[in-house]
Amino acid sequence: MDKKDKLLKKARNNPQGLRFSKFETLLSLCDWVFDHQTGSHRIWYSPTKVRLSIQPNKDGEAKAYQVKNSYLYRTNPMTQNNIFGGFTMGKVSFNRDCSKRD
């Protein structure tokens, strides 16, 4: 199991217990790009140019709702089912390895 798999498993199993630095590492491993920081808000863009604004809790943990809102833990808005093994964002589907599905 590689680093990305371990972080994906941790994010899925305990999103409220994920360190902010590990969350950013996971975004980076899944080809998200850090764009800039304004105050405490760090702006990331997905490979499909979806914007995500994140900031740490005071205790250094990632905010669970931000982990869940990232495409790493994206839910299908129609069914609200966790589709961590793959996900759909708009009309684009992705595999667990963050690559696009055909």
PDB file of N, CA and C in Angstrom:
ATOM      1  N   MET A   1       0.858  -1.174   0.000  1.00  0.00           N
ATOM      2  CA  MET A   1       0.000   0.000   0.000  1.00  0.00           C
ATOM      3  C   MET A   1       0.906   1.239   0.000  1.00  0.00           C
ATOM      4  N   ASP A   2       0.721   2.108  -0.998  1.00  0.00           N
ATOM      5  CA  ASP A   2       1.565   3.294  -1.086  1.00  0.00           C
ATOM      6  C   ASP A   2       1.003   4.432  -0.227  1.00  0.00           C
ATOM      7  N   LYS A   3       1.724   5.536  -0.202  1.00  0.00           N
ATOM      8  CA  LYS A   3       1.367   6.668   0.656  1.00  0.00           C
ATOM      9  C   LYS A   3      -0.022   7.206   0.327  1.00  0.00           C
ATOM     10  N   LYS A   4      -0.326   7.335  -0.974  1.00  0.00           N
ATOM     11  CA  LYS A   4      -1.636   7.856  -1.362  1.00  0.00           C
ATOM     12  C   LYS A   4      -2.750   6.936  -0.884  1.00  0.00           C
ATOM     13  N   ASP A   5      -2.578   5.631  -1.029  1.00  0.00           N
ATOM     14  CA  ASP A   5      -3.592   4.682  -0.575  1.00  0.00           C
ATOM     15  C   ASP A   5      -3.813   4.787   0.927  1.00  0.00           C
ATOM     16  N   LYS A   6      -2.722   4.916   1.682  1.00  0.00           N
ATOM     17  CA  LYS A   6      -2.842   5.037   3.135  1.00  0.00           C
ATOM     18  C   LYS A   6      -3.588   6.304   3.525  1.00  0.00           C
ATOM     19  N   LEU A   7      -3.263   7.417   2.867  1.00  0.00           N
ATOM     20  CA  LEU A   7      -3.939   8.676   3.183  1.00  0.00           C
ATOM     21  C   LEU A   7      -5.401   8.650   2.751  1.00  0.00           C
ATOM     22  N   LEU A   8      -5.694   8.038   1.597  1.00  0.00           N
ATOM     23  CA  LEU A   8      -7.088   7.910   1.163  1.00  0.00           C
ATOM     24  C   LEU A   8      -7.901   7.100   2.169  1.00  0.00           C
ATOM     25  N   LYS A   9      -7.308   6.015   2.651  1.00  0.00           N
ATOM     26  CA  LYS A   9      -7.999   5.172   3.629  1.00  0.00           C
ATOM     27  C   LYS A   9      -8.249   5.953   4.921  1.00  0.00           C
ATOM     28  N   LYS A  10      -7.245   6.693   5.369  1.00  0.00           N
ATOM     29  CA  LYS A  10      -7.409   7.474   6.597  1.00  0.00           C
ATOM     30  C   LYS A  10      -8.464   8.562   6.420  1.00  0.00           C
ATOM     31  N   ALA A  11      -8.457   9.238   5.278  1.00  0.00           N
ATOM     32  CA  ALA A  11      -9.444  10.293   5.011  1.00  0.00           C
ATOM     33  C   ALA A  11     -10.854   9.721   4.957  1.00  0.00           C
ATOM     34  N   ARG A  12     -10.987   8.544   4.363  1.00  0.00           N
ATOM     35  CA  ARG A  12     -12.302   7.914   4.268  1.00  0.00           C
ATOM     36  C   ARG A  12     -12.805   7.453   5.625  1.00  0.00           C
ATOM     37  N   ASN A  13     -11.917   6.833   6.402  1.00  0.00           N
ATOM     38  CA  ASN A  13     -12.323   6.253   7.676  1.00  0.00           C
ATOM     39  C   ASN A  13     -12.483   7.270   8.794  1.00  0.00           C
ATOM     40  N   ASN A  14     -11.720   8.363   8.753  1.00  0.00           N
ATOM     41  CA  ASN A  14     -11.757   9.328   9.847  1.00  0.00           C
ATOM     42  C   ASN A  14     -11.425  10.726   9.326  1.00  0.00           C
ATOM     43  N   PRO A  15     -12.327  11.352   8.550  1.00  0.00           N
ATOM     44  CA  PRO A  15     -12.011  12.657   7.972  1.00  0.00           C
ATOM     45  C   PRO A  15     -11.761  13.739   9.015  1.00  0.00           C
ATOM     46  N   GLN A  16     -12.373  13.618  10.187  1.00  0.00           N
ATOM     47  CA  GLN A  16     -12.166  14.635  11.219  1.00  0.00           C
ATOM     48  C   GLN A  16     -10.836  14.466  11.945  1.00  0.00           C
ATOM     49  N   GLY A  17     -10.148  13.343  11.741  1.00  0.00           N
ATOM     50  CA  GLY A  17      -8.871  13.097  12.399  1.00  0.00           C
ATOM     51  C   GLY A  17      -7.667  13.241  11.486  1.00  0.00           C
ATOM     52  N   LEU A  18      -7.875  13.805  10.302  1.00  0.00           N
ATOM     53  CA  LEU A  18      -6.793  13.940   9.329  1.00  0.00           C
ATOM     54  C   LEU A  18      -6.044  15.249   9.574  1.00  0.00           C
ATOM     55  N   ARG A  19      -4.737  15.160   9.744  1.00  0.00           N
ATOM     56  CA  ARG A  19      -3.922  16.366   9.917  1.00  0.00           C
ATOM     57  C   ARG A  19      -4.015  17.216   8.651  1.00  0.00           C
ATOM     58  N   PHE A  20      -4.020  18.530   8.820  1.00  0.00           N
ATOM     59  CA  PHE A  20      -4.127  19.439   7.688  1.00  0.00           C
ATOM     60  C   PHE A  20      -2.981  19.229   6.699  1.00  0.00           C
ATOM     61  N   SER A  21      -1.792  19.036   7.206  1.00  0.00           N
ATOM     62  CA  SER A  21      -0.636  18.818   6.321  1.00  0.00           C
ATOM     63  C   SER A  21      -0.801  17.535   5.506  1.00  0.00           C
ATOM     64  N   LYS A  22      -1.391  16.500   6.111  1.00  0.00           N
ATOM     65  CA  LYS A  22      -1.632  15.238   5.394  1.00  0.00           C
ATOM     66  C   LYS A  22      -2.722  15.426   4.335  1.00  0.00           C
ATOM     67  N   PHE A  23      -3.718  16.243   4.642  1.00  0.00           N
ATOM     68  CA  PHE A  23      -4.772  16.543   3.677  1.00  0.00           C
ATOM     69  C   PHE A  23      -4.178  17.238   2.452  1.00  0.00           C
ATOM     70  N   GLU A  24      -3.288  18.199   2.675  1.00  0.00           N
ATOM     71  CA  GLU A  24      -2.649  18.876   1.551  1.00  0.00           C
ATOM     72  C   GLU A  24      -1.744  17.920   0.767  1.00  0.00           C
ATOM     73  N   THR A  25      -1.073  17.033   1.478  1.00  0.00           N
ATOM     74  CA  THR A  25      -0.259  16.024   0.798  1.00  0.00           C
ATOM     75  C   THR A  25      -1.131  15.148  -0.092  1.00  0.00           C
ATOM     76  N   LEU A  26      -2.278  14.750   0.425  1.00  0.00           N
ATOM     77  CA  LEU A  26      -3.199  13.919  -0.341  1.00  0.00           C
ATOM     78  C   LEU A  26      -3.721  14.660  -1.568  1.00  0.00           C
ATOM     79  N   LEU A  27      -4.077  15.931  -1.417  1.00  0.00           N
ATOM     80  CA  LEU A  27      -4.515  16.712  -2.573  1.00  0.00           C
ATOM     81  C   LEU A  27      -3.417  16.739  -3.635  1.00  0.00           C
ATOM     82  N   SER A  28      -2.210  16.978  -3.197  1.00  0.00           N
ATOM     83  CA  SER A  28      -1.075  17.038  -4.121  1.00  0.00           C
ATOM     84  C   SER A  28      -0.839  15.703  -4.828  1.00  0.00           C
ATOM     85  N   LEU A  29      -0.934  14.604  -4.078  1.00  0.00           N
ATOM     86  CA  LEU A  29      -0.745  13.277  -4.669  1.00  0.00           C
ATOM     87  C   LEU A  29      -1.812  12.942  -5.704  1.00  0.00           C
ATOM     88  N   CYS A  30      -2.969  13.575  -5.577  1.00  0.00           N
ATOM     89  CA  CYS A  30      -4.067  13.354  -6.529  1.00  0.00           C
ATOM     90  C   CYS A  30      -4.121  14.456  -7.584  1.00  0.00           C
ATOM     91  N   ASP A  31      -2.985  15.124  -7.773  1.00  0.00           N
ATOM     92  CA  ASP A  31      -2.817  16.104  -8.852  1.00  0.00           C
ATOM     93  C   ASP A  31      -3.591  17.405  -8.673  1.00  0.00           C
ATOM     94  N   TRP A  32      -4.027  17.711  -7.450  1.00  0.00           N
ATOM     95  CA  TRP A  32      -4.552  19.038  -7.181  1.00  0.00           C
ATOM     96  C   TRP A  32      -3.362  19.986  -7.163  1.00  0.00           C
ATOM     97  N   VAL A  33      -3.596  21.247  -7.502  1.00  0.00           N
ATOM     98  CA  VAL A  33      -2.531  22.244  -7.567  1.00  0.00           C
ATOM     99  C   VAL A  33      -2.826  23.370  -6.576  1.00  0.00           C
ATOM    100  N   PHE A  34      -1.847  23.636  -5.695  1.00  0.00           N
ATOM    101  CA  PHE A  34      -1.971  24.764  -4.782  1.00  0.00           C
ATOM    102  C   PHE A  34      -1.783  26.039  -5.590  1.00  0.00           C
ATOM    103  N   ASP A  35      -2.737  26.974  -5.461  1.00  0.00           N
ATOM    104  CA  ASP A  35      -2.687  28.209  -6.236  1.00  0.00           C
ATOM    105  C   ASP A  35      -2.167  29.376  -5.403  1.00  0.00           C
ATOM    106  N   HIS A  36      -2.822  29.678  -4.287  1.00  0.00           N
ATOM    107  CA  HIS A  36      -2.395  30.800  -3.457  1.00  0.00           C
ATOM    108  C   HIS A  36      -3.038  30.717  -2.077  1.00  0.00           C
ATOM    109  N   GLN A  37      -2.592  31.605  -1.217  1.00  0.00           N
ATOM    110  CA  GLN A  37      -3.142  31.684   0.135  1.00  0.00           C
ATOM    111  C   GLN A  37      -3.552  33.120   0.409  1.00  0.00           C
ATOM    112  N   THR A  38      -4.759  33.290   0.966  1.00  0.00           N
ATOM    113  CA  THR A  38      -5.245  34.593   1.395  1.00  0.00           C
ATOM    114  C   THR A  38      -5.646  34.453   2.857  1.00  0.00           C
ATOM    115  N   GLY A  39      -4.882  35.058   3.749  1.00  0.00           N
ATOM    116  CA  GLY A  39      -5.114  34.859   5.174  1.00  0.00           C
ATOM    117  C   GLY A  39      -4.854  33.402   5.504  1.00  0.00           C
ATOM    118  N   SER A  40      -5.831  32.751   6.149  1.00  0.00           N
ATOM    119  CA  SER A  40      -5.667  31.334   6.479  1.00  0.00           C
ATOM    120  C   SER A  40      -6.225  30.415   5.395  1.00  0.00           C
ATOM    121  N   HIS A  41      -6.884  30.985   4.401  1.00  0.00           N
ATOM    122  CA  HIS A  41      -7.508  30.185   3.344  1.00  0.00           C
ATOM    123  C   HIS A  41      -6.490  29.832   2.268  1.00  0.00           C
ATOM    124  N   ARG A  42      -6.344  28.536   2.025  1.00  0.00           N
ATOM    125  CA  ARG A  42      -5.435  28.041   0.994  1.00  0.00           C
ATOM    126  C   ARG A  42      -6.290  27.555  -0.171  1.00  0.00           C
ATOM    127  N   ILE A  43      -6.003  28.060  -1.355  1.00  0.00           N
ATOM    128  CA  ILE A  43      -6.820  27.773  -2.532  1.00  0.00           C
ATOM    129  C   ILE A  43      -6.123  26.721  -3.390  1.00  0.00           C
ATOM    130  N   TRP A  44      -6.840  25.625  -3.650  1.00  0.00           N
ATOM    131  CA  TRP A  44      -6.352  24.519  -4.471  1.00  0.00           C
ATOM    132  C   TRP A  44      -7.276  24.353  -5.668  1.00  0.00           C
ATOM    133  N   TYR A  45      -6.724  23.851  -6.758  1.00  0.00           N
ATOM    134  CA  TYR A  45      -7.519  23.545  -7.949  1.00  0.00           C
ATOM    135  C   TYR A  45      -7.321  22.092  -8.339  1.00  0.00           C
ATOM    136  N   SER A  46      -8.427  21.451  -8.682  1.00  0.00           N
ATOM    137  CA  SER A  46      -8.394  20.055  -9.116  1.00  0.00           C
ATOM    138  C   SER A  46      -7.851  19.980 -10.540  1.00  0.00           C
ATOM    139  N   PRO A  47      -7.559  18.771 -11.010  1.00  0.00           N
ATOM    140  CA  PRO A  47      -7.117  18.618 -12.398  1.00  0.00           C
ATOM    141  C   PRO A  47      -8.149  19.123 -13.408  1.00  0.00           C
ATOM    142  N   THR A  48      -9.415  19.186 -12.990  1.00  0.00           N
ATOM    143  CA  THR A  48     -10.477  19.693 -13.877  1.00  0.00           C
ATOM    144  C   THR A  48     -10.827  21.139 -13.553  1.00  0.00           C
ATOM    145  N   LYS A  49      -9.960  21.806 -12.810  1.00  0.00           N
ATOM    146  CA  LYS A  49     -10.073  23.235 -12.492  1.00  0.00           C
ATOM    147  C   LYS A  49     -11.202  23.564 -11.518  1.00  0.00           C
ATOM    148  N   VAL A  50     -11.586  22.614 -10.679  1.00  0.00           N
ATOM    149  CA  VAL A  50     -12.549  22.877  -9.619  1.00  0.00           C
ATOM    150  C   VAL A  50     -11.799  23.514  -8.453  1.00  0.00           C
ATOM    151  N   ARG A  51     -12.300  24.636  -7.943  1.00  0.00           N
ATOM    152  CA  ARG A  51     -11.639  25.394  -6.879  1.00  0.00           C
ATOM    153  C   ARG A  51     -12.056  24.839  -5.522  1.00  0.00           C
ATOM    154  N   LEU A  52     -11.087  24.723  -4.610  1.00  0.00           N
ATOM    155  CA  LEU A  52     -11.359  24.283  -3.246  1.00  0.00           C
ATOM    156  C   LEU A  52     -10.595  25.196  -2.294  1.00  0.00           C
ATOM    157  N   SER A  53     -11.319  25.837  -1.392  1.00  0.00           N
ATOM    158  CA  SER A  53     -10.716  26.695  -0.380  1.00  0.00           C
ATOM    159  C   SER A  53     -10.684  25.911   0.929  1.00  0.00           C
ATOM    160  N   ILE A  54      -9.493  25.765   1.514  1.00  0.00           N
ATOM    161  CA  ILE A  54      -9.370  25.006   2.759  1.00  0.00           C
ATOM    162  C   ILE A  54      -8.586  25.815   3.784  1.00  0.00           C
ATOM    163  N   GLN A  55      -8.833  25.535   5.053  1.00  0.00           N
ATOM    164  CA  GLN A  55      -8.058  26.114   6.131  1.00  0.00           C
ATOM    165  C   GLN A  55      -8.078  25.147   7.304  1.00  0.00           C
ATOM    166  N   PRO A  56      -7.006  25.131   8.093  1.00  0.00           N
ATOM    167  CA  PRO A  56      -6.937  24.179   9.209  1.00  0.00           C
ATOM    168  C   PRO A  56      -7.777  24.634  10.397  1.00  0.00           C
ATOM    169  N   ASN A  57      -8.163  23.662  11.226  1.00  0.00           N
ATOM    170  CA  ASN A  57      -8.726  23.982  12.533  1.00  0.00           C
ATOM    171  C   ASN A  57      -7.613  24.551  13.392  1.00  0.00           C
ATOM    172  N   LYS A  58      -7.960  25.110  14.530  1.00  0.00           N
ATOM    173  CA  LYS A  58      -6.944  25.659  15.436  1.00  0.00           C
ATOM    174  C   LYS A  58      -6.012  24.589  15.976  1.00  0.00           C
ATOM    175  N   ASP A  59      -6.473  23.330  15.988  1.00  0.00           N
ATOM    176  CA  ASP A  59      -5.644  22.234  16.497  1.00  0.00           C
ATOM    177  C   ASP A  59      -4.768  21.588  15.414  1.00  0.00           C
ATOM    178  N   GLY A  60      -4.768  22.155  14.216  1.00  0.00           N
ATOM    179  CA  GLY A  60      -3.934  21.629  13.134  1.00  0.00           C
ATOM    180  C   GLY A  60      -4.565  20.512  12.328  1.00  0.00           C
ATOM    181  N   GLU A  61      -5.785  20.165  12.651  1.00  0.00           N
ATOM    182  CA  GLU A  61      -6.496  19.128  11.902  1.00  0.00           C
ATOM    183  C   GLU A  61      -7.196  19.746  10.700  1.00  0.00           C
ATOM    184  N   ALA A  62      -7.420  18.933   9.693  1.00  0.00           N
ATOM    185  CA  ALA A  62      -8.232  19.361   8.551  1.00  0.00           C
ATOM    186  C   ALA A  62      -9.682  19.411   9.012  1.00  0.00           C
ATOM    187  N   LYS A  63     -10.443  20.310   8.446  1.00  0.00           N
ATOM    188  CA  LYS A  63     -11.872  20.367   8.765  1.00  0.00           C
ATOM    189  C   LYS A  63     -12.556  19.229   8.019  1.00  0.00           C
ATOM    190  N   ALA A  64     -13.305  18.422   8.759  1.00  0.00           N
ATOM    191  CA  ALA A  64     -13.903  17.216   8.185  1.00  0.00           C
ATOM    192  C   ALA A  64     -14.768  17.531   6.974  1.00  0.00           C
ATOM    193  N   TYR A  65     -15.538  18.605   7.046  1.00  0.00           N
ATOM    194  CA  TYR A  65     -16.413  18.912   5.916  1.00  0.00           C
ATOM    195  C   TYR A  65     -15.607  19.273   4.673  1.00  0.00           C
ATOM    196  N   GLN A  66     -14.412  19.838   4.856  1.00  0.00           N
ATOM    197  CA  GLN A  66     -13.586  20.158   3.695  1.00  0.00           C
ATOM    198  C   GLN A  66     -12.979  18.895   3.087  1.00  0.00           C
ATOM    199  N   VAL A  67     -12.620  17.946   3.944  1.00  0.00           N
ATOM    200  CA  VAL A  67     -12.136  16.659   3.426  1.00  0.00           C
ATOM    201  C   VAL A  67     -13.256  15.988   2.643  1.00  0.00           C
ATOM    202  N   LYS A  68     -14.456  16.010   3.207  1.00  0.00           N
ATOM    203  CA  LYS A  68     -15.602  15.394   2.538  1.00  0.00           C
ATOM    204  C   LYS A  68     -15.967  16.124   1.253  1.00  0.00           C
ATOM    205  N   ASN A  69     -15.795  17.447   1.222  1.00  0.00           N
ATOM    206  CA  ASN A  69     -16.133  18.222   0.032  1.00  0.00           C
ATOM    207  C   ASN A  69     -15.088  18.119  -1.070  1.00  0.00           C
ATOM    208  N   SER A  70     -13.890  17.735  -0.710  1.00  0.00           N
ATOM    209  CA  SER A  70     -12.879  17.583  -1.750  1.00  0.00           C
ATOM    210  C   SER A  70     -13.287  16.425  -2.646  1.00  0.00           C
ATOM    211  N   TYR A  71     -12.777  16.383  -3.831  1.00  0.00           N
ATOM    212  CA  TYR A  71     -13.198  15.304  -4.716  1.00  0.00           C
ATOM    213  C   TYR A  71     -12.671  13.965  -4.234  1.00  0.00           C
ATOM    214  N   LEU A  72     -11.787  13.963  -3.240  1.00  0.00           N
ATOM    215  CA  LEU A  72     -11.292  12.721  -2.669  1.00  0.00           C
ATOM    216  C   LEU A  72     -12.391  11.983  -1.924  1.00  0.00           C
ATOM    217  N   TYR A  73     -13.374  12.728  -1.438  1.00  0.00           N
ATOM    218  CA  TYR A  73     -14.452  12.154  -0.648  1.00  0.00           C
ATOM    219  C   TYR A  73     -15.772  12.702  -1.163  1.00  0.00           C
ATOM    220  N   ARG A  74     -15.842  12.885  -2.481  1.00  0.00           N
ATOM    221  CA  ARG A  74     -16.990  13.518  -3.106  1.00  0.00           C
ATOM    222  C   ARG A  74     -18.195  12.590  -3.069  1.00  0.00           C
ATOM    223  N   THR A  75     -19.371  13.138  -2.841  1.00  0.00           N
ATOM    224  CA  THR A  75     -20.600  12.356  -2.900  1.00  0.00           C
ATOM    225  C   THR A  75     -21.372  12.753  -4.141  1.00  0.00           C
ATOM    226  N   ASN A  76     -22.116  11.826  -4.650  1.00  0.00           N
ATOM    227  CA  ASN A  76     -22.983  12.104  -5.772  1.00  0.00           C
ATOM    228  C   ASN A  76     -24.149  12.931  -5.240  1.00  0.00           C
ATOM    229  N   PRO A  77     -24.381  14.157  -5.733  1.00  0.00           N
ATOM    230  CA  PRO A  77     -25.428  15.002  -5.195  1.00  0.00           C
ATOM    231  C   PRO A  77     -26.828  14.427  -5.343  1.00  0.00           C
ATOM    232  N   MET A  78     -27.016  13.508  -6.280  1.00  0.00           N
ATOM    233  CA  MET A  78     -28.344  12.923  -6.478  1.00  0.00           C
ATOM    234  C   MET A  78     -28.641  11.836  -5.457  1.00  0.00           C
ATOM    235  N   THR A  79     -27.631  11.052  -5.079  1.00  0.00           N
ATOM    236  CA  THR A  79     -27.871   9.926  -4.185  1.00  0.00           C
ATOM    237  C   THR A  79     -27.278  10.124  -2.803  1.00  0.00           C
ATOM    238  N   GLN A  80     -26.344  11.068  -2.669  1.00  0.00           N
ATOM    239  CA  GLN A  80     -25.629  11.300  -1.424  1.00  0.00           C
ATOM    240  C   GLN A  80     -24.897  10.051  -0.941  1.00  0.00           C
ATOM    241  N   ASN A  81     -24.549   9.160  -1.852  1.00  0.00           N
ATOM    242  CA  ASN A  81     -23.773   7.972  -1.498  1.00  0.00           C
ATOM    243  C   ASN A  81     -22.293   8.288  -1.570  1.00  0.00           C
ATOM    244  N   ASN A  82     -21.544   7.778  -0.619  1.00  0.00           N
ATOM    245  CA  ASN A  82     -20.102   7.944  -0.671  1.00  0.00           C
ATOM    246  C   ASN A  82     -19.581   7.093  -1.819  1.00  0.00           C
ATOM    247  N   ILE A  83     -18.887   7.712  -2.709  1.00  0.00           N
ATOM    248  CA  ILE A  83     -18.329   6.982  -3.839  1.00  0.00           C
ATOM    249  C   ILE A  83     -16.822   7.165  -3.837  1.00  0.00           C
ATOM    250  N   PHE A  84     -16.213   6.875  -2.706  1.00  0.00           N
ATOM    251  CA  PHE A  84     -14.789   7.078  -2.511  1.00  0.00           C
ATOM    252  C   PHE A  84     -13.970   6.243  -3.470  1.00  0.00           C
ATOM    253  N   GLY A  85     -14.473   5.077  -3.866  1.00  0.00           N
ATOM    254  CA  GLY A  85     -13.742   4.234  -4.801  1.00  0.00           C
ATOM    255  C   GLY A  85     -13.759   4.784  -6.214  1.00  0.00           C
ATOM    256  N   GLY A  86     -14.498   5.813  -6.437  1.00  0.00           N
ATOM    257  CA  GLY A  86     -14.624   6.529  -7.692  1.00  0.00           C
ATOM    258  C   GLY A  86     -15.627   7.619  -7.422  1.00  0.00           C
ATOM    259  N   PHE A  87     -15.686   8.625  -8.229  1.00  0.00           N
ATOM    260  CA  PHE A  87     -16.609   9.704  -7.931  1.00  0.00           C
ATOM    261  C   PHE A  87     -16.983  10.417  -9.202  1.00  0.00           C
ATOM    262  N   THR A  88     -18.070  11.152  -9.117  1.00  0.00           N
ATOM    263  CA  THR A  88     -18.547  11.924 -10.248  1.00  0.00           C
ATOM    264  C   THR A  88     -18.601  13.379  -9.831  1.00  0.00           C
ATOM    265  N   MET A  89     -18.083  14.231 -10.672  1.00  0.00           N
ATOM    266  CA  MET A  89     -18.162  15.665 -10.429  1.00  0.00           C
ATOM    267  C   MET A  89     -18.698  16.278 -11.716  1.00  0.00           C
ATOM    268  N   GLY A  90     -19.925  16.739 -11.667  1.00  0.00           N
ATOM    269  CA  GLY A  90     -20.554  17.212 -12.890  1.00  0.00           C
ATOM    270  C   GLY A  90     -20.748  16.032 -13.822  1.00  0.00           C
ATOM    271  N   LYS A  91     -20.259  16.146 -15.021  1.00  0.00           N
ATOM    272  CA  LYS A  91     -20.387  15.066 -16.002  1.00  0.00           C
ATOM    273  C   LYS A  91     -19.101  14.270 -16.136  1.00  0.00           C
ATOM    274  N   VAL A  92     -18.121  14.542 -15.267  1.00  0.00           N
ATOM    275  CA  VAL A  92     -16.825  13.877 -15.344  1.00  0.00           C
ATOM    276  C   VAL A  92     -16.716  12.863 -14.231  1.00  0.00           C
ATOM    277  N   SER A  93     -16.361  11.635 -14.549  1.00  0.00           N
ATOM    278  CA  SER A  93     -16.185  10.584 -13.553  1.00  0.00           C
ATOM    279  C   SER A  93     -14.700  10.287 -13.379  1.00  0.00           C
ATOM    280  N   PHE A  94     -14.340   9.923 -12.159  1.00  0.00           N
ATOM    281  CA  PHE A  94     -12.954   9.645 -11.831  1.00  0.00           C
ATOM    282  C   PHE A  94     -12.829   8.282 -11.171  1.00  0.00           C
ATOM    283  N   ASN A  95     -11.680   7.650 -11.360  1.00  0.00           N
ATOM    284  CA  ASN A  95     -11.360   6.403 -10.689  1.00  0.00           C
ATOM    285  C   ASN A  95     -10.766   6.698  -9.326  1.00  0.00           C
ATOM    286  N   ARG A  96     -10.575   5.657  -8.513  1.00  0.00           N
ATOM    287  CA  ARG A  96      -9.993   5.816  -7.197  1.00  0.00           C
ATOM    288  C   ARG A  96      -8.602   6.434  -7.255  1.00  0.00           C
ATOM    289  N   ASP A  97      -7.897   6.193  -8.327  1.00  0.00           N
ATOM    290  CA  ASP A  97      -6.542   6.733  -8.442  1.00  0.00           C
ATOM    291  C   ASP A  97      -6.538   8.173  -8.947  1.00  0.00           C
ATOM    292  N   CYS A  98      -7.699   8.810  -8.952  1.00  0.00           N
ATOM    293  CA  CYS A  98      -7.874  10.211  -9.324  1.00  0.00           C
ATOM    294  C   CYS A  98      -7.770  10.456 -10.833  1.00  0.00           C
ATOM    295  N   SER A  99      -7.736   9.393 -11.629  1.00  0.00           N
ATOM    296  CA  SER A  99      -7.689   9.557 -13.073  1.00  0.00           C
ATOM    297  C   SER A  99      -9.117   9.593 -13.619  1.00  0.00           C
ATOM    298  N   LYS A 100      -9.289  10.247 -14.765  1.00  0.00           N
ATOM    299  CA  LYS A 100     -10.613  10.334 -15.371  1.00  0.00           C
ATOM    300  C   LYS A 100     -11.064   8.984 -15.882  1.00  0.00           C
ATOM    301  N   ARG A 101     -12.358   8.721 -15.754  1.00  0.00           N
ATOM    302  CA  ARG A 101     -12.964   7.539 -16.364  1.00  0.00           C
ATOM    303  C   ARG A 101     -13.446   7.910 -17.749  1.00  0.00           C
ATOM    304  N   ASP A 102     -13.416   6.943 -18.647  1.00  0.00           N
ATOM    305  CA  ASP A 102     -13.945   7.191 -20.001  1.00  0.00           C
ATOM    306  C   ASP A 102     -15.418   6.911 -20.036  1.00  0.00           C
TER     307      ASP A 102
END
